[in-house]
N, C-alpha and C. Protein backbone atom coordinates (compact mmCIF):
# COMPACT_ATOMS: atom_id res chain seq x y z
N MET A 1 53.98 38.81 37.24
CA MET A 1 54.14 39.30 38.58
C MET A 1 55.55 39.84 38.75
N MET A 2 55.67 40.93 39.48
CA MET A 2 56.97 41.53 39.77
C MET A 2 57.75 40.65 40.74
N SER A 3 59.05 40.66 40.61
CA SER A 3 59.91 39.98 41.59
C SER A 3 60.11 40.91 42.79
N ARG A 4 60.60 40.35 43.88
CA ARG A 4 60.86 41.17 45.07
C ARG A 4 61.94 42.20 44.77
N ALA A 5 62.95 41.80 43.97
CA ALA A 5 64.01 42.73 43.61
C ALA A 5 63.45 43.90 42.79
N GLU A 6 62.52 43.63 41.90
CA GLU A 6 61.89 44.70 41.11
C GLU A 6 61.08 45.63 41.99
N VAL A 7 60.41 45.07 42.98
CA VAL A 7 59.63 45.89 43.91
C VAL A 7 60.57 46.82 44.68
N THR A 8 61.69 46.29 45.14
CA THR A 8 62.66 47.10 45.87
C THR A 8 63.16 48.26 45.01
N GLU A 9 63.49 47.98 43.75
CA GLU A 9 63.94 49.03 42.84
C GLU A 9 62.85 50.07 42.63
N LEU A 10 61.61 49.63 42.51
CA LEU A 10 60.50 50.55 42.31
C LEU A 10 60.27 51.41 43.55
N VAL A 11 60.38 50.82 44.72
CA VAL A 11 60.23 51.58 45.98
C VAL A 11 61.27 52.70 46.02
N VAL A 12 62.51 52.37 45.75
CA VAL A 12 63.59 53.37 45.79
C VAL A 12 63.33 54.46 44.76
N THR A 13 62.96 54.07 43.55
CA THR A 13 62.70 55.03 42.48
C THR A 13 61.54 55.95 42.83
N ARG A 14 60.43 55.38 43.28
CA ARG A 14 59.25 56.20 43.61
C ARG A 14 59.53 57.14 44.79
N ARG A 15 60.29 56.67 45.77
CA ARG A 15 60.61 57.51 46.92
C ARG A 15 61.40 58.74 46.45
N LEU A 16 62.34 58.52 45.56
CA LEU A 16 63.13 59.64 45.04
C LEU A 16 62.30 60.56 44.15
N GLU A 17 61.49 59.97 43.28
CA GLU A 17 60.63 60.77 42.39
C GLU A 17 59.68 61.66 43.18
N LYS A 18 59.12 61.11 44.25
CA LYS A 18 58.13 61.84 45.04
C LYS A 18 58.76 62.68 46.15
N LYS A 19 60.11 62.60 46.24
CA LYS A 19 60.86 63.36 47.25
C LYS A 19 60.34 63.09 48.66
N LEU A 20 60.11 61.80 48.93
CA LEU A 20 59.63 61.37 50.25
C LEU A 20 60.79 60.92 51.12
N SER A 21 60.71 61.24 52.38
CA SER A 21 61.70 60.72 53.33
C SER A 21 61.23 59.36 53.82
N TRP A 22 62.17 58.57 54.32
CA TRP A 22 61.79 57.28 54.91
C TRP A 22 60.88 57.53 56.11
N ALA A 23 61.11 58.62 56.83
CA ALA A 23 60.28 58.95 57.99
C ALA A 23 58.83 59.20 57.58
N ALA A 24 58.62 59.89 56.47
CA ALA A 24 57.26 60.16 56.00
C ALA A 24 56.56 58.87 55.59
N ILE A 25 57.29 57.98 54.94
CA ILE A 25 56.70 56.70 54.55
C ILE A 25 56.39 55.88 55.80
N ALA A 26 57.31 55.90 56.76
CA ALA A 26 57.12 55.16 58.02
C ALA A 26 55.88 55.63 58.76
N GLU A 27 55.65 56.92 58.74
CA GLU A 27 54.46 57.46 59.40
C GLU A 27 53.19 56.88 58.77
N ALA A 28 53.16 56.80 57.47
CA ALA A 28 52.00 56.23 56.76
C ALA A 28 51.84 54.75 57.06
N VAL A 29 52.97 54.04 57.15
CA VAL A 29 52.95 52.59 57.40
C VAL A 29 52.63 52.29 58.86
N GLY A 30 53.00 53.21 59.76
CA GLY A 30 52.72 53.02 61.17
C GLY A 30 53.81 52.28 61.93
N GLN A 31 55.03 52.36 61.41
CA GLN A 31 56.18 51.73 62.07
C GLN A 31 57.32 52.74 62.14
N SER A 32 58.41 52.35 62.79
CA SER A 32 59.57 53.23 62.87
C SER A 32 60.20 53.41 61.49
N LYS A 33 60.99 54.47 61.38
CA LYS A 33 61.71 54.73 60.13
C LYS A 33 62.65 53.57 59.81
N GLU A 34 63.33 53.06 60.83
CA GLU A 34 64.29 51.98 60.61
C GLU A 34 63.61 50.70 60.13
N TRP A 35 62.52 50.33 60.81
CA TRP A 35 61.79 49.12 60.45
C TRP A 35 61.21 49.24 59.04
N THR A 36 60.60 50.38 58.77
CA THR A 36 59.97 50.59 57.47
C THR A 36 60.99 50.56 56.34
N THR A 37 62.12 51.20 56.55
CA THR A 37 63.17 51.20 55.53
C THR A 37 63.61 49.77 55.24
N ALA A 38 63.91 49.02 56.30
CA ALA A 38 64.34 47.63 56.13
C ALA A 38 63.27 46.80 55.43
N ALA A 39 62.02 46.99 55.83
CA ALA A 39 60.93 46.22 55.23
C ALA A 39 60.77 46.53 53.75
N LEU A 40 60.78 47.80 53.40
CA LEU A 40 60.59 48.17 52.00
C LEU A 40 61.79 47.83 51.13
N LEU A 41 62.95 47.62 51.76
CA LEU A 41 64.13 47.19 51.01
C LEU A 41 64.28 45.68 51.01
N GLY A 42 63.27 44.98 51.54
CA GLY A 42 63.22 43.53 51.39
C GLY A 42 63.69 42.70 52.56
N GLN A 43 63.88 43.31 53.73
CA GLN A 43 64.39 42.56 54.87
C GLN A 43 63.33 42.13 55.87
N MET A 44 62.12 42.60 55.73
CA MET A 44 61.03 42.28 56.64
C MET A 44 59.77 42.00 55.84
N THR A 45 58.79 41.44 56.51
CA THR A 45 57.49 41.19 55.89
C THR A 45 56.49 42.22 56.39
N LEU A 46 55.76 42.83 55.49
CA LEU A 46 54.72 43.78 55.87
C LEU A 46 53.39 43.05 55.95
N THR A 47 52.51 43.53 56.82
CA THR A 47 51.14 43.03 56.83
C THR A 47 50.43 43.61 55.61
N GLU A 48 49.26 43.09 55.33
CA GLU A 48 48.50 43.63 54.19
C GLU A 48 48.22 45.12 54.39
N GLU A 49 47.83 45.48 55.59
CA GLU A 49 47.52 46.89 55.89
C GLU A 49 48.75 47.77 55.68
N GLN A 50 49.91 47.32 56.15
CA GLN A 50 51.14 48.08 55.98
C GLN A 50 51.54 48.18 54.51
N ALA A 51 51.42 47.07 53.80
CA ALA A 51 51.77 47.06 52.38
C ALA A 51 50.86 48.00 51.59
N LEU A 52 49.58 48.00 51.91
CA LEU A 52 48.64 48.90 51.22
C LEU A 52 48.95 50.36 51.53
N ALA A 53 49.32 50.65 52.78
CA ALA A 53 49.68 52.02 53.16
C ALA A 53 50.91 52.48 52.38
N ALA A 54 51.91 51.62 52.29
CA ALA A 54 53.12 51.95 51.53
C ALA A 54 52.78 52.15 50.06
N ALA A 55 51.93 51.29 49.53
CA ALA A 55 51.53 51.39 48.13
C ALA A 55 50.81 52.71 47.84
N ARG A 56 49.97 53.15 48.76
CA ARG A 56 49.26 54.43 48.57
C ARG A 56 50.25 55.59 48.51
N VAL A 57 51.19 55.61 49.43
CA VAL A 57 52.16 56.70 49.51
C VAL A 57 53.09 56.70 48.30
N LEU A 58 53.52 55.50 47.90
CA LEU A 58 54.51 55.37 46.83
C LEU A 58 53.91 55.09 45.46
N ASP A 59 52.58 54.97 45.41
CA ASP A 59 51.89 54.68 44.15
C ASP A 59 52.41 53.39 43.52
N LEU A 60 52.39 52.32 44.33
CA LEU A 60 52.87 51.01 43.88
C LEU A 60 51.72 50.18 43.32
N PRO A 61 52.00 49.31 42.35
CA PRO A 61 50.95 48.45 41.79
C PRO A 61 50.58 47.30 42.73
N ALA A 62 49.49 46.63 42.41
CA ALA A 62 49.00 45.52 43.23
C ALA A 62 50.04 44.41 43.38
N ASP A 63 50.82 44.15 42.33
CA ASP A 63 51.88 43.13 42.40
C ASP A 63 52.87 43.44 43.53
N ALA A 64 53.18 44.71 43.69
CA ALA A 64 54.12 45.12 44.73
C ALA A 64 53.54 44.87 46.11
N VAL A 65 52.25 45.14 46.26
CA VAL A 65 51.58 44.91 47.55
C VAL A 65 51.70 43.44 47.94
N VAL A 66 51.52 42.57 47.00
CA VAL A 66 51.64 41.12 47.25
C VAL A 66 53.07 40.78 47.66
N GLN A 67 54.05 41.26 46.92
CA GLN A 67 55.45 40.94 47.20
C GLN A 67 55.92 41.48 48.54
N LEU A 68 55.40 42.62 48.95
CA LEU A 68 55.78 43.19 50.25
C LEU A 68 55.32 42.32 51.42
N GLN A 69 54.36 41.44 51.16
CA GLN A 69 53.84 40.56 52.21
C GLN A 69 54.50 39.18 52.23
N VAL A 70 55.42 38.94 51.31
CA VAL A 70 56.10 37.65 51.24
C VAL A 70 57.28 37.65 52.21
N VAL A 71 57.43 36.57 52.95
CA VAL A 71 58.54 36.45 53.89
C VAL A 71 59.84 36.49 53.09
N PRO A 72 60.77 37.38 53.46
CA PRO A 72 62.02 37.48 52.70
C PRO A 72 62.88 36.24 52.86
N TYR A 73 63.63 35.94 51.81
CA TYR A 73 64.55 34.82 51.84
C TYR A 73 65.86 35.31 52.46
N LYS A 74 66.28 34.64 53.52
CA LYS A 74 67.55 35.00 54.17
C LYS A 74 68.40 33.75 54.28
N GLY A 75 69.67 33.88 54.02
CA GLY A 75 70.56 32.74 54.14
C GLY A 75 71.60 32.73 53.05
N LEU A 76 72.46 31.75 53.11
CA LEU A 76 73.57 31.67 52.16
C LEU A 76 73.38 30.63 51.08
N SER A 77 72.26 29.94 51.04
CA SER A 77 72.14 28.82 50.11
C SER A 77 72.17 29.24 48.64
N LEU A 78 72.02 30.51 48.34
CA LEU A 78 72.12 30.97 46.96
C LEU A 78 73.57 31.19 46.55
N ILE A 79 74.48 31.14 47.52
CA ILE A 79 75.89 31.35 47.27
C ILE A 79 76.58 29.99 47.30
N HIS A 80 77.50 29.78 46.39
CA HIS A 80 78.24 28.53 46.34
C HIS A 80 79.25 28.53 47.50
N ILE A 81 78.94 27.83 48.59
CA ILE A 81 79.76 27.94 49.80
C ILE A 81 80.89 26.91 49.87
N SER A 82 81.04 26.05 48.88
CA SER A 82 82.14 25.08 48.93
C SER A 82 83.48 25.73 48.59
N GLU A 83 83.44 26.94 48.09
CA GLU A 83 84.67 27.67 47.75
C GLU A 83 84.71 28.95 48.58
N PRO A 84 85.48 28.96 49.69
CA PRO A 84 85.49 30.11 50.60
C PRO A 84 85.84 31.44 49.96
N THR A 85 86.65 31.43 48.89
CA THR A 85 87.02 32.70 48.27
C THR A 85 85.84 33.39 47.63
N ARG A 86 84.80 32.65 47.34
CA ARG A 86 83.60 33.26 46.77
C ARG A 86 82.85 34.09 47.80
N LEU A 87 83.11 33.86 49.07
CA LEU A 87 82.48 34.63 50.14
C LEU A 87 83.37 35.76 50.61
N GLY A 88 84.51 35.92 49.95
CA GLY A 88 85.41 37.00 50.33
C GLY A 88 86.26 36.65 51.55
N MET A 89 86.42 35.37 51.86
CA MET A 89 87.21 34.97 53.03
C MET A 89 88.68 34.91 52.70
């Protein structure tokens, strides 16, 4: 199965290969350009219908459709926060 990071890379690659605008993809997905961009870059969760629409436009595999429906991980727990300089403070 593809990771969410791999799906994001594939989305960006396919969008460029197909010369699609975020607005064109958003129209297919049925959401705003801003929401769709954020969702396809991993910041939002798509419904199955939205993920399938994006997959049709971008020619994404079934693994990507599944990953687009996973709630994104948000937070700092992947960063070692006991050392403030690691956060750029």
